Amino acid sequence: MYLVKTPPVIQSLFPDFIWKIDTHRKEVFLTFDDGPIPELTDWILDTLHSYDFKATFFCVGENVKKHPEIYQRILANGHAVGNHTYNHLKGWTTDTETYINNIKKCDEWVRTDLFRPPYGKLKPSQSSALKMTKSIIMWDVLSGDFDLSITKEKCLSNVMNNYSAGSIIVFHDNIKAEEKLKFVLPRFLDHLAECGYRSESLEYALAEMAI
Protein backbone atom coordinates (compact mmCIF):
# COMPACT_ATOMS: atom_id res chain seq x y z
CA MET A 1 0.00 0.00 0.00
CA TYR A 2 1.37 3.42 -0.96
CA LEU A 3 0.10 6.89 -1.75
CA VAL A 4 0.73 8.30 -5.21
CA LYS A 5 0.16 11.84 -3.94
CA THR A 6 1.51 12.65 -0.47
CA PRO A 7 -1.30 14.42 1.41
CA PRO A 8 -0.50 17.84 2.91
CA VAL A 9 -1.40 16.55 6.38
CA ILE A 10 1.40 13.98 6.21
CA GLN A 11 3.82 16.59 4.98
CA SER A 12 2.87 18.85 7.88
CA LEU A 13 3.58 16.11 10.41
CA PHE A 14 7.21 15.99 9.31
CA PRO A 15 8.18 19.61 8.64
CA ASP A 16 11.91 18.87 8.77
CA PHE A 17 11.62 16.73 5.63
CA ILE A 18 11.56 18.27 2.15
CA TRP A 19 8.46 17.13 0.29
CA LYS A 20 8.15 19.76 -2.42
CA ILE A 21 10.00 22.88 -3.59
CA ASP A 22 8.27 26.23 -3.16
CA THR A 23 8.45 27.79 -6.60
CA HIS A 24 6.28 29.82 -8.94
CA ARG A 25 8.24 28.71 -11.99
CA LYS A 26 7.17 25.91 -14.29
CA GLU A 27 9.62 23.37 -12.93
CA VAL A 28 9.52 19.95 -11.34
CA PHE A 29 12.21 17.83 -9.73
CA LEU A 30 12.62 14.36 -11.15
CA THR A 31 14.36 11.86 -8.89
CA PHE A 32 15.59 8.32 -9.53
CA ASP A 33 16.20 5.89 -6.67
CA ASP A 34 18.32 2.74 -6.23
CA GLY A 35 20.92 2.93 -9.03
CA PRO A 36 23.19 3.26 -10.75
CA ILE A 37 22.84 0.11 -12.85
CA PRO A 38 24.00 -0.48 -16.44
CA GLU A 39 20.66 -1.93 -17.50
CA LEU A 40 18.76 1.34 -17.00
CA THR A 41 20.71 4.34 -15.70
CA ASP A 42 22.54 5.02 -18.97
CA TRP A 43 19.20 4.99 -20.81
CA ILE A 44 17.76 7.47 -18.29
CA LEU A 45 20.75 9.76 -18.77
CA ASP A 46 20.38 9.62 -22.56
CA THR A 47 16.66 10.39 -22.29
CA LEU A 48 17.16 13.34 -19.94
CA HIS A 49 19.94 14.68 -22.16
CA SER A 50 17.65 14.73 -25.19
CA TYR A 51 15.39 17.20 -23.34
CA ASP A 52 18.22 19.05 -21.55
CA PHE A 53 16.50 18.18 -18.27
CA LYS A 54 18.33 17.73 -14.96
CA ALA A 55 17.44 15.29 -12.19
CA THR A 56 18.63 13.94 -8.86
CA PHE A 57 19.82 10.35 -8.48
CA PHE A 58 19.55 8.82 -5.01
CA CYS A 59 22.28 6.23 -5.24
CA VAL A 60 22.81 3.01 -3.31
CA GLY A 61 26.45 2.92 -2.25
CA GLU A 62 27.13 -0.65 -3.27
CA ASN A 63 25.80 0.10 -6.77
CA VAL A 64 28.16 3.06 -7.07
CA LYS A 65 31.02 0.81 -5.99
CA LYS A 66 30.07 -1.71 -8.70
CA HIS A 67 29.48 0.87 -11.44
CA PRO A 68 31.65 3.94 -10.74
CA GLU A 69 31.76 4.87 -14.44
CA ILE A 70 27.98 5.35 -14.53
CA TYR A 71 28.10 7.38 -11.32
CA GLN A 72 30.74 9.63 -12.86
CA ARG A 73 28.56 10.05 -15.93
CA ILE A 74 25.66 11.21 -13.74
CA LEU A 75 27.90 13.94 -12.32
CA ALA A 76 29.47 14.82 -15.67
CA ASN A 77 25.99 15.35 -17.16
CA GLY A 78 25.21 17.96 -14.49
CA HIS A 79 22.79 15.97 -12.36
CA ALA A 80 22.70 15.94 -8.57
CA VAL A 81 23.20 12.85 -6.41
CA GLY A 82 21.84 11.81 -3.04
CA ASN A 83 22.64 9.14 -0.45
CA HIS A 84 20.20 6.20 -0.40
CA THR A 85 22.16 4.10 2.15
CA TYR A 86 24.85 1.61 1.21
CA ASN A 87 22.61 -1.48 1.13
CA HIS A 88 19.09 -0.03 0.67
CA LEU A 89 18.22 -0.51 4.34
CA LYS A 90 14.74 -0.02 5.75
CA GLY A 91 14.93 2.35 8.70
CA TRP A 92 11.98 0.89 10.59
CA THR A 93 13.60 -2.55 10.84
CA THR A 94 17.20 -1.41 11.44
CA ASP A 95 18.66 -0.14 14.71
CA THR A 96 19.76 3.48 14.58
CA GLU A 97 23.50 2.92 15.02
CA THR A 98 23.60 0.35 12.20
CA TYR A 99 21.50 2.61 9.97
CA ILE A 100 23.64 5.71 10.48
CA ASN A 101 26.85 3.74 9.94
CA ASN A 102 25.41 2.34 6.70
CA ILE A 103 24.70 5.88 5.51
CA LYS A 104 28.25 6.90 6.41
CA LYS A 105 29.53 3.97 4.37
CA CYS A 106 27.52 5.24 1.41
CA ASP A 107 29.06 8.69 1.99
CA GLU A 108 32.43 7.17 1.12
CA TRP A 109 31.12 6.63 -2.41
CA VAL A 110 28.46 9.34 -2.81
CA ARG A 111 29.52 12.85 -1.83
CA THR A 112 26.32 14.71 -1.03
CA ASP A 113 24.30 16.51 1.62
CA LEU A 114 21.06 15.00 0.28
CA PHE A 115 19.53 11.85 1.74
CA ARG A 116 16.43 9.86 0.91
CA PRO A 117 15.42 6.93 3.13
CA PRO A 118 14.66 3.71 1.24
CA TYR A 119 10.91 3.03 1.35
CA GLY A 120 10.51 6.52 2.85
CA LYS A 121 10.77 5.01 6.34
CA LEU A 122 12.79 6.49 9.19
CA LYS A 123 12.67 6.19 12.95
CA PRO A 124 12.59 9.50 14.86
CA SER A 125 16.02 8.72 16.31
CA GLN A 126 17.42 8.21 12.81
CA SER A 127 15.85 11.41 11.55
CA SER A 128 17.25 13.38 14.49
CA ALA A 129 20.75 12.05 13.86
CA LEU A 130 20.60 12.74 10.12
CA LYS A 131 19.10 16.20 9.98
CA MET A 132 22.21 17.69 11.56
CA THR A 133 24.21 16.99 8.38
CA LYS A 134 21.75 16.02 5.64
CA SER A 135 18.68 17.43 3.92
CA ILE A 136 16.11 14.63 4.09
CA ILE A 137 14.34 14.51 0.75
CA MET A 138 10.94 12.87 0.44
CA TRP A 139 8.41 13.48 -2.37
CA ASP A 140 4.89 14.59 -3.19
CA VAL A 141 4.40 12.30 -6.24
CA LEU A 142 5.28 8.59 -6.29
CA SER A 143 5.08 7.13 -9.80
CA GLY A 144 4.53 3.51 -8.74
CA ASP A 145 6.97 2.28 -11.40
CA PHE A 146 8.09 -0.40 -8.92
CA ASP A 147 4.55 -1.79 -8.57
CA LEU A 148 4.20 -4.97 -10.61
CA SER A 149 0.42 -4.97 -10.09
CA ILE A 150 -0.27 -1.81 -12.11
CA THR A 151 -0.04 -1.21 -15.86
CA LYS A 152 2.43 1.13 -17.51
CA GLU A 153 -0.54 3.31 -18.50
CA LYS A 154 -1.59 3.60 -14.86
CA CYS A 155 1.97 4.53 -13.92
CA LEU A 156 1.90 7.30 -16.50
CA SER A 157 -1.41 8.63 -15.22
CA ASN A 158 -0.01 8.61 -11.68
CA VAL A 159 2.50 11.28 -12.60
CA MET A 160 0.50 13.13 -15.25
CA ASN A 161 -2.48 13.69 -12.95
CA ASN A 162 -0.67 14.58 -9.73
CA TYR A 163 2.32 16.83 -10.42
CA SER A 164 2.36 20.60 -10.05
CA ALA A 165 5.03 23.30 -9.99
CA GLY A 166 7.69 22.31 -7.47
CA SER A 167 6.74 18.63 -7.30
CA ILE A 168 9.42 16.15 -6.30
CA ILE A 169 8.63 13.05 -8.35
CA VAL A 170 9.99 9.58 -7.66
CA PHE A 171 11.05 7.10 -10.33
CA HIS A 172 13.44 4.19 -9.94
CA ASP A 173 16.48 3.01 -11.86
CA ASN A 174 16.16 -0.62 -10.91
CA ILE A 175 15.24 -3.73 -12.88
CA LYS A 176 11.76 -3.96 -11.39
CA ALA A 177 10.88 -0.53 -12.80
CA GLU A 178 12.50 -0.92 -16.22
CA GLU A 179 9.47 -1.80 -18.35
CA LYS A 180 7.22 0.91 -16.91
CA LEU A 181 9.92 3.57 -16.84
CA LYS A 182 10.85 3.08 -20.49
CA PHE A 183 7.19 3.64 -21.37
CA VAL A 184 6.46 6.48 -18.95
CA LEU A 185 9.55 8.67 -18.91
CA PRO A 186 9.68 9.77 -22.58
CA ARG A 187 5.93 10.43 -22.62
CA PHE A 188 6.05 12.41 -19.39
CA LEU A 189 9.04 14.45 -20.53
CA ASP A 190 7.24 15.18 -23.81
CA HIS A 191 4.26 16.40 -21.82
CA LEU A 192 6.38 18.58 -19.55
CA ALA A 193 8.20 20.15 -22.49
CA GLU A 194 4.96 20.83 -24.34
CA CYS A 195 3.54 22.53 -21.24
CA GLY A 196 6.63 24.72 -20.85
CA TYR A 197 7.98 22.89 -17.81
CA ARG A 198 11.59 22.18 -16.94
CA SER A 199 13.15 19.57 -14.69
CA GLU A 200 15.92 20.78 -12.41
CA SER A 201 18.16 19.13 -9.85
CA LEU A 202 17.42 19.40 -6.15
CA GLU A 203 20.94 20.65 -5.55
CA TYR A 204 20.11 23.65 -7.73
CA ALA A 205 16.78 24.22 -5.98
CA LEU A 206 18.16 24.04 -2.44
CA ALA A 207 21.04 26.35 -3.32
CA GLU A 208 18.53 28.92 -4.58
CA MET A 209 16.46 28.56 -1.39
CA ALA A 210 19.56 29.28 0.71
CA ILE A 211 20.29 32.58 -1.06
C-alpha atoms as a PDB file:
ATOM      1  CA  MET A   1       0.000   0.000   0.000  1.00  0.00           C
ATOM      2  CA  TYR A   2       1.370   3.415  -0.960  1.00  0.00           C
ATOM      3  CA  LEU A   3       0.102   6.885  -1.747  1.00  0.00           C
ATOM      4  CA  VAL A   4       0.729   8.301  -5.207  1.00  0.00           C
ATOM      5  CA  LYS A   5       0.155  11.844  -3.937  1.00  0.00           C
ATOM      6  CA  THR A   6       1.512  12.645  -0.472  1.00  0.00           C
ATOM      7  CA  PRO A   7      -1.299  14.421   1.413  1.00  0.00           C
ATOM      8  CA  PRO A   8      -0.500  17.842   2.914  1.00  0.00           C
ATOM      9  CA  VAL A   9      -1.399  16.549   6.385  1.00  0.00           C
ATOM     10  CA  ILE A  10       1.399  13.976   6.210  1.00  0.00           C
ATOM     11  CA  GLN A  11       3.823  16.595   4.975  1.00  0.00           C
ATOM     12  CA  SER A  12       2.867  18.853   7.880  1.00  0.00           C
ATOM     13  CA  LEU A  13       3.582  16.106  10.413  1.00  0.00           C
ATOM     14  CA  PHE A  14       7.210  15.987   9.305  1.00  0.00           C
ATOM     15  CA  PRO A  15       8.179  19.612   8.640  1.00  0.00           C
ATOM     16  CA  ASP A  16      11.914  18.869   8.766  1.00  0.00           C
ATOM     17  CA  PHE A  17      11.618  16.732   5.629  1.00  0.00           C
ATOM     18  CA  ILE A  18      11.564  18.270   2.145  1.00  0.00           C
ATOM     19  CA  TRP A  19       8.458  17.127   0.291  1.00  0.00           C
ATOM     20  CA  LYS A  20       8.151  19.764  -2.419  1.00  0.00           C
ATOM     21  CA  ILE A  21       9.995  22.875  -3.591  1.00  0.00           C
ATOM     22  CA  ASP A  22       8.273  26.226  -3.156  1.00  0.00           C
ATOM     23  CA  THR A  23       8.447  27.788  -6.601  1.00  0.00           C
ATOM     24  CA  HIS A  24       6.282  29.825  -8.937  1.00  0.00           C
ATOM     25  CA  ARG A  25       8.239  28.709 -11.990  1.00  0.00           C
ATOM     26  CA  LYS A  26       7.167  25.912 -14.292  1.00  0.00           C
ATOM     27  CA  GLU A  27       9.617  23.369 -12.933  1.00  0.00           C
ATOM     28  CA  VAL A  28       9.523  19.945 -11.343  1.00  0.00           C
ATOM     29  CA  PHE A  29      12.206  17.833  -9.727  1.00  0.00           C
ATOM     30  CA  LEU A  30      12.621  14.357 -11.153  1.00  0.00           C
ATOM     31  CA  THR A  31      14.362  11.861  -8.893  1.00  0.00           C
ATOM     32  CA  PHE A  32      15.593   8.323  -9.532  1.00  0.00           C
ATOM     33  CA  ASP A  33      16.201   5.886  -6.670  1.00  0.00           C
ATOM     34  CA  ASP A  34      18.315   2.745  -6.229  1.00  0.00           C
ATOM     35  CA  GLY A  35      20.919   2.929  -9.029  1.00  0.00           C
ATOM     36  CA  PRO A  36      23.195   3.260 -10.749  1.00  0.00           C
ATOM     37  CA  ILE A  37      22.839   0.109 -12.851  1.00  0.00           C
ATOM     38  CA  PRO A  38      24.004  -0.477 -16.439  1.00  0.00           C
ATOM     39  CA  GLU A  39      20.656  -1.931 -17.501  1.00  0.00           C
ATOM     40  CA  LEU A  40      18.761   1.339 -16.998  1.00  0.00           C
ATOM     41  CA  THR A  41      20.705   4.339 -15.703  1.00  0.00           C
ATOM     42  CA  ASP A  42      22.540   5.016 -18.972  1.00  0.00           C
ATOM     43  CA  TRP A  43      19.204   4.991 -20.809  1.00  0.00           C
ATOM     44  CA  ILE A  44      17.761   7.473 -18.289  1.00  0.00           C
ATOM     45  CA  LEU A  45      20.751   9.764 -18.771  1.00  0.00           C
ATOM     46  CA  ASP A  46      20.382   9.615 -22.559  1.00  0.00           C
ATOM     47  CA  THR A  47      16.664  10.386 -22.288  1.00  0.00           C
ATOM     48  CA  LEU A  48      17.165  13.343 -19.941  1.00  0.00           C
ATOM     49  CA  HIS A  49      19.943  14.678 -22.163  1.00  0.00           C
ATOM     50  CA  SER A  50      17.650  14.735 -25.189  1.00  0.00           C
ATOM     51  CA  TYR A  51      15.394  17.195 -23.343  1.00  0.00           C
ATOM     52  CA  ASP A  52      18.216  19.046 -21.546  1.00  0.00           C
ATOM     53  CA  PHE A  53      16.498  18.175 -18.268  1.00  0.00           C
ATOM     54  CA  LYS A  54      18.327  17.735 -14.956  1.00  0.00           C
ATOM     55  CA  ALA A  55      17.440  15.288 -12.195  1.00  0.00           C
ATOM     56  CA  THR A  56      18.632  13.943  -8.860  1.00  0.00           C
ATOM     57  CA  PHE A  57      19.817  10.348  -8.483  1.00  0.00           C
ATOM     58  CA  PHE A  58      19.547   8.820  -5.014  1.00  0.00           C
ATOM     59  CA  CYS A  59      22.283   6.232  -5.239  1.00  0.00           C
ATOM     60  CA  VAL A  60      22.806   3.011  -3.310  1.00  0.00           C
ATOM     61  CA  GLY A  61      26.448   2.923  -2.246  1.00  0.00           C
ATOM     62  CA  GLU A  62      27.128  -0.655  -3.275  1.00  0.00           C
ATOM     63  CA  ASN A  63      25.804   0.098  -6.774  1.00  0.00           C
ATOM     64  CA  VAL A  64      28.157   3.063  -7.073  1.00  0.00           C
ATOM     65  CA  LYS A  65      31.017   0.808  -5.987  1.00  0.00           C
ATOM     66  CA  LYS A  66      30.069  -1.714  -8.699  1.00  0.00           C
ATOM     67  CA  HIS A  67      29.476   0.873 -11.438  1.00  0.00           C
ATOM     68  CA  PRO A  68      31.647   3.938 -10.745  1.00  0.00           C
ATOM     69  CA  GLU A  69      31.761   4.873 -14.438  1.00  0.00           C
ATOM     70  CA  ILE A  70      27.975   5.345 -14.527  1.00  0.00           C
ATOM     71  CA  TYR A  71      28.098   7.379 -11.318  1.00  0.00           C
ATOM     72  CA  GLN A  72      30.745   9.632 -12.857  1.00  0.00           C
ATOM     73  CA  ARG A  73      28.559  10.048 -15.932  1.00  0.00           C
ATOM     74  CA  ILE A  74      25.657  11.212 -13.740  1.00  0.00           C
ATOM     75  CA  LEU A  75      27.901  13.938 -12.318  1.00  0.00           C
ATOM     76  CA  ALA A  76      29.473  14.817 -15.674  1.00  0.00           C
ATOM     77  CA  ASN A  77      25.993  15.346 -17.155  1.00  0.00           C
ATOM     78  CA  GLY A  78      25.211  17.961 -14.493  1.00  0.00           C
ATOM     79  CA  HIS A  79      22.785  15.973 -12.364  1.00  0.00           C
ATOM     80  CA  ALA A  80      22.705  15.935  -8.571  1.00  0.00           C
ATOM     81  CA  VAL A  81      23.199  12.847  -6.413  1.00  0.00           C
ATOM     82  CA  GLY A  82      21.840  11.805  -3.039  1.00  0.00           C
ATOM     83  CA  ASN A  83      22.644   9.144  -0.451  1.00  0.00           C
ATOM     84  CA  HIS A  84      20.196   6.205  -0.401  1.00  0.00           C
ATOM     85  CA  THR A  85      22.159   4.101   2.150  1.00  0.00           C
ATOM     86  CA  TYR A  86      24.853   1.606   1.214  1.00  0.00           C
ATOM     87  CA  ASN A  87      22.610  -1.481   1.135  1.00  0.00           C
ATOM     88  CA  HIS A  88      19.088  -0.029   0.673  1.00  0.00           C
ATOM     89  CA  LEU A  89      18.219  -0.507   4.342  1.00  0.00           C
ATOM     90  CA  LYS A  90      14.735  -0.020   5.748  1.00  0.00           C
ATOM     91  CA  GLY A  91      14.927   2.348   8.696  1.00  0.00           C
ATOM     92  CA  TRP A  92      11.976   0.891  10.587  1.00  0.00           C
ATOM     93  CA  THR A  93      13.600  -2.553  10.841  1.00  0.00           C
ATOM     94  CA  THR A  94      17.196  -1.407  11.441  1.00  0.00           C
ATOM     95  CA  ASP A  95      18.657  -0.137  14.708  1.00  0.00           C
ATOM     96  CA  THR A  96      19.761   3.480  14.581  1.00  0.00           C
ATOM     97  CA  GLU A  97      23.499   2.918  15.017  1.00  0.00           C
ATOM     98  CA  THR A  98      23.596   0.348  12.197  1.00  0.00           C
ATOM     99  CA  TYR A  99      21.504   2.613   9.970  1.00  0.00           C
ATOM    100  CA  ILE A 100      23.643   5.709  10.478  1.00  0.00           C
ATOM    101  CA  ASN A 101      26.845   3.737   9.939  1.00  0.00           C
ATOM    102  CA  ASN A 102      25.412   2.343   6.703  1.00  0.00           C
ATOM    103  CA  ILE A 103      24.700   5.884   5.507  1.00  0.00           C
ATOM    104  CA  LYS A 104      28.248   6.901   6.410  1.00  0.00           C
ATOM    105  CA  LYS A 105      29.535   3.972   4.369  1.00  0.00           C
ATOM    106  CA  CYS A 106      27.522   5.243   1.413  1.00  0.00           C
ATOM    107  CA  ASP A 107      29.064   8.686   1.993  1.00  0.00           C
ATOM    108  CA  GLU A 108      32.430   7.175   1.117  1.00  0.00           C
ATOM    109  CA  TRP A 109      31.122   6.631  -2.412  1.00  0.00           C
ATOM    110  CA  VAL A 110      28.459   9.338  -2.808  1.00  0.00           C
ATOM    111  CA  ARG A 111      29.522  12.855  -1.831  1.00  0.00           C
ATOM    112  CA  THR A 112      26.317  14.705  -1.030  1.00  0.00           C
ATOM    113  CA  ASP A 113      24.296  16.515   1.624  1.00  0.00           C
ATOM    114  CA  LEU A 114      21.059  14.999   0.280  1.00  0.00           C
ATOM    115  CA  PHE A 115      19.531  11.848   1.743  1.00  0.00           C
ATOM    116  CA  ARG A 116      16.427   9.858   0.915  1.00  0.00           C
ATOM    117  CA  PRO A 117      15.424   6.930   3.135  1.00  0.00           C
ATOM    118  CA  PRO A 118      14.665   3.711   1.238  1.00  0.00           C
ATOM    119  CA  TYR A 119      10.914   3.032   1.351  1.00  0.00           C
ATOM    120  CA  GLY A 120      10.514   6.523   2.851  1.00  0.00           C
ATOM    121  CA  LYS A 121      10.775   5.007   6.336  1.00  0.00           C
ATOM    122  CA  LEU A 122      12.795   6.489   9.185  1.00  0.00           C
ATOM    123  CA  LYS A 123      12.675   6.188  12.948  1.00  0.00           C
ATOM    124  CA  PRO A 124      12.592   9.501  14.862  1.00  0.00           C
ATOM    125  CA  SER A 125      16.020   8.716  16.307  1.00  0.00           C
ATOM    126  CA  GLN A 126      17.419   8.206  12.807  1.00  0.00           C
ATOM    127  CA  SER A 127      15.847  11.411  11.549  1.00  0.00           C
ATOM    128  CA  SER A 128      17.249  13.380  14.488  1.00  0.00           C
ATOM    129  CA  ALA A 129      20.753  12.054  13.865  1.00  0.00           C
ATOM    130  CA  LEU A 130      20.598  12.737  10.125  1.00  0.00           C
ATOM    131  CA  LYS A 131      19.103  16.197   9.977  1.00  0.00           C
ATOM    132  CA  MET A 132      22.214  17.686  11.560  1.00  0.00           C
ATOM    133  CA  THR A 133      24.213  16.994   8.384  1.00  0.00           C
ATOM    134  CA  LYS A 134      21.747  16.023   5.637  1.00  0.00           C
ATOM    135  CA  SER A 135      18.685  17.433   3.918  1.00  0.00           C
ATOM    136  CA  ILE A 136      16.110  14.630   4.094  1.00  0.00           C
ATOM    137  CA  ILE A 137      14.338  14.511   0.746  1.00  0.00           C
ATOM    138  CA  MET A 138      10.941  12.874   0.437  1.00  0.00           C
ATOM    139  CA  TRP A 139       8.407  13.482  -2.369  1.00  0.00           C
ATOM    140  CA  ASP A 140       4.895  14.588  -3.189  1.00  0.00           C
ATOM    141  CA  VAL A 141       4.396  12.299  -6.242  1.00  0.00           C
ATOM    142  CA  LEU A 142       5.276   8.588  -6.287  1.00  0.00           C
ATOM    143  CA  SER A 143       5.080   7.133  -9.798  1.00  0.00           C
ATOM    144  CA  GLY A 144       4.530   3.509  -8.743  1.00  0.00           C
ATOM    145  CA  ASP A 145       6.968   2.277 -11.405  1.00  0.00           C
ATOM    146  CA  PHE A 146       8.092  -0.401  -8.918  1.00  0.00           C
ATOM    147  CA  ASP A 147       4.553  -1.790  -8.566  1.00  0.00           C
ATOM    148  CA  LEU A 148       4.204  -4.973 -10.609  1.00  0.00           C
ATOM    149  CA  SER A 149       0.420  -4.973 -10.092  1.00  0.00           C
ATOM    150  CA  ILE A 150      -0.267  -1.812 -12.111  1.00  0.00           C
ATOM    151  CA  THR A 151      -0.039  -1.206 -15.856  1.00  0.00           C
ATOM    152  CA  LYS A 152       2.425   1.125 -17.506  1.00  0.00           C
ATOM    153  CA  GLU A 153      -0.540   3.315 -18.505  1.00  0.00           C
ATOM    154  CA  LYS A 154      -1.594   3.604 -14.857  1.00  0.00           C
ATOM    155  CA  CYS A 155       1.967   4.528 -13.918  1.00  0.00           C
ATOM    156  CA  LEU A 156       1.904   7.304 -16.504  1.00  0.00           C
ATOM    157  CA  SER A 157      -1.414   8.627 -15.216  1.00  0.00           C
ATOM    158  CA  ASN A 158      -0.014   8.615 -11.677  1.00  0.00           C
ATOM    159  CA  VAL A 159       2.499  11.282 -12.596  1.00  0.00           C
ATOM    160  CA  MET A 160       0.505  13.132 -15.253  1.00  0.00           C
ATOM    161  CA  ASN A 161      -2.484  13.689 -12.954  1.00  0.00           C
ATOM    162  CA  ASN A 162      -0.669  14.580  -9.734  1.00  0.00           C
ATOM    163  CA  TYR A 163       2.317  16.832 -10.420  1.00  0.00           C
ATOM    164  CA  SER A 164       2.364  20.599 -10.052  1.00  0.00           C
ATOM    165  CA  ALA A 165       5.030  23.304  -9.986  1.00  0.00           C
ATOM    166  CA  GLY A 166       7.692  22.312  -7.471  1.00  0.00           C
ATOM    167  CA  SER A 167       6.740  18.631  -7.302  1.00  0.00           C
ATOM    168  CA  ILE A 168       9.419  16.146  -6.298  1.00  0.00           C
ATOM    169  CA  ILE A 169       8.629  13.053  -8.353  1.00  0.00           C
ATOM    170  CA  VAL A 170       9.992   9.575  -7.663  1.00  0.00           C
ATOM    171  CA  PHE A 171      11.048   7.103 -10.330  1.00  0.00           C
ATOM    172  CA  HIS A 172      13.445   4.190  -9.943  1.00  0.00           C
ATOM    173  CA  ASP A 173      16.481   3.013 -11.858  1.00  0.00           C
ATOM    174  CA  ASN A 174      16.159  -0.624 -10.906  1.00  0.00           C
ATOM    175  CA  ILE A 175      15.240  -3.727 -12.877  1.00  0.00           C
ATOM    176  CA  LYS A 176      11.758  -3.961 -11.390  1.00  0.00           C
ATOM    177  CA  ALA A 177      10.884  -0.533 -12.797  1.00  0.00           C
ATOM    178  CA  GLU A 178      12.499  -0.924 -16.224  1.00  0.00           C
ATOM    179  CA  GLU A 179       9.467  -1.800 -18.350  1.00  0.00           C
ATOM    180  CA  LYS A 180       7.223   0.912 -16.912  1.00  0.00           C
ATOM    181  CA  LEU A 181       9.924   3.568 -16.845  1.00  0.00           C
ATOM    182  CA  LYS A 182      10.846   3.080 -20.492  1.00  0.00           C
ATOM    183  CA  PHE A 183       7.188   3.643 -21.368  1.00  0.00           C
ATOM    184  CA  VAL A 184       6.458   6.478 -18.945  1.00  0.00           C
ATOM    185  CA  LEU A 185       9.550   8.675 -18.908  1.00  0.00           C
ATOM    186  CA  PRO A 186       9.678   9.772 -22.584  1.00  0.00           C
ATOM    187  CA  ARG A 187       5.933  10.435 -22.616  1.00  0.00           C
ATOM    188  CA  PHE A 188       6.049  12.409 -19.390  1.00  0.00           C
ATOM    189  CA  LEU A 189       9.039  14.448 -20.530  1.00  0.00           C
ATOM    190  CA  ASP A 190       7.242  15.183 -23.814  1.00  0.00           C
ATOM    191  CA  HIS A 191       4.264  16.401 -21.817  1.00  0.00           C
ATOM    192  CA  LEU A 192       6.382  18.583 -19.550  1.00  0.00           C
ATOM    193  CA  ALA A 193       8.196  20.155 -22.489  1.00  0.00           C
ATOM    194  CA  GLU A 194       4.956  20.825 -24.344  1.00  0.00           C
ATOM    195  CA  CYS A 195       3.544  22.533 -21.239  1.00  0.00           C
ATOM    196  CA  GLY A 196       6.629  24.721 -20.849  1.00  0.00           C
ATOM    197  CA  TYR A 197       7.981  22.886 -17.809  1.00  0.00           C
ATOM    198  CA  ARG A 198      11.595  22.182 -16.942  1.00  0.00           C
ATOM    199  CA  SER A 199      13.146  19.574 -14.694  1.00  0.00           C
ATOM    200  CA  GLU A 200      15.921  20.784 -12.415  1.00  0.00           C
ATOM    201  CA  SER A 201      18.165  19.129  -9.850  1.00  0.00           C
ATOM    202  CA  LEU A 202      17.416  19.405  -6.145  1.00  0.00           C
ATOM    203  CA  GLU A 203      20.943  20.652  -5.547  1.00  0.00           C
ATOM    204  CA  TYR A 204      20.110  23.646  -7.726  1.00  0.00           C
ATOM    205  CA  ALA A 205      16.779  24.215  -5.978  1.00  0.00           C
ATOM    206  CA  LEU A 206      18.157  24.044  -2.440  1.00  0.00           C
ATOM    207  CA  ALA A 207      21.038  26.348  -3.324  1.00  0.00           C
ATOM    208  CA  GLU A 208      18.533  28.922  -4.577  1.00  0.00           C
ATOM    209  CA  MET A 209      16.464  28.558  -1.394  1.00  0.00           C
ATOM    210  CA  ALA A 210      19.562  29.285   0.710  1.00  0.00           C
ATOM    211  CA  ILE A 211      20.287  32.583  -1.064  1.00  0.00           C
END
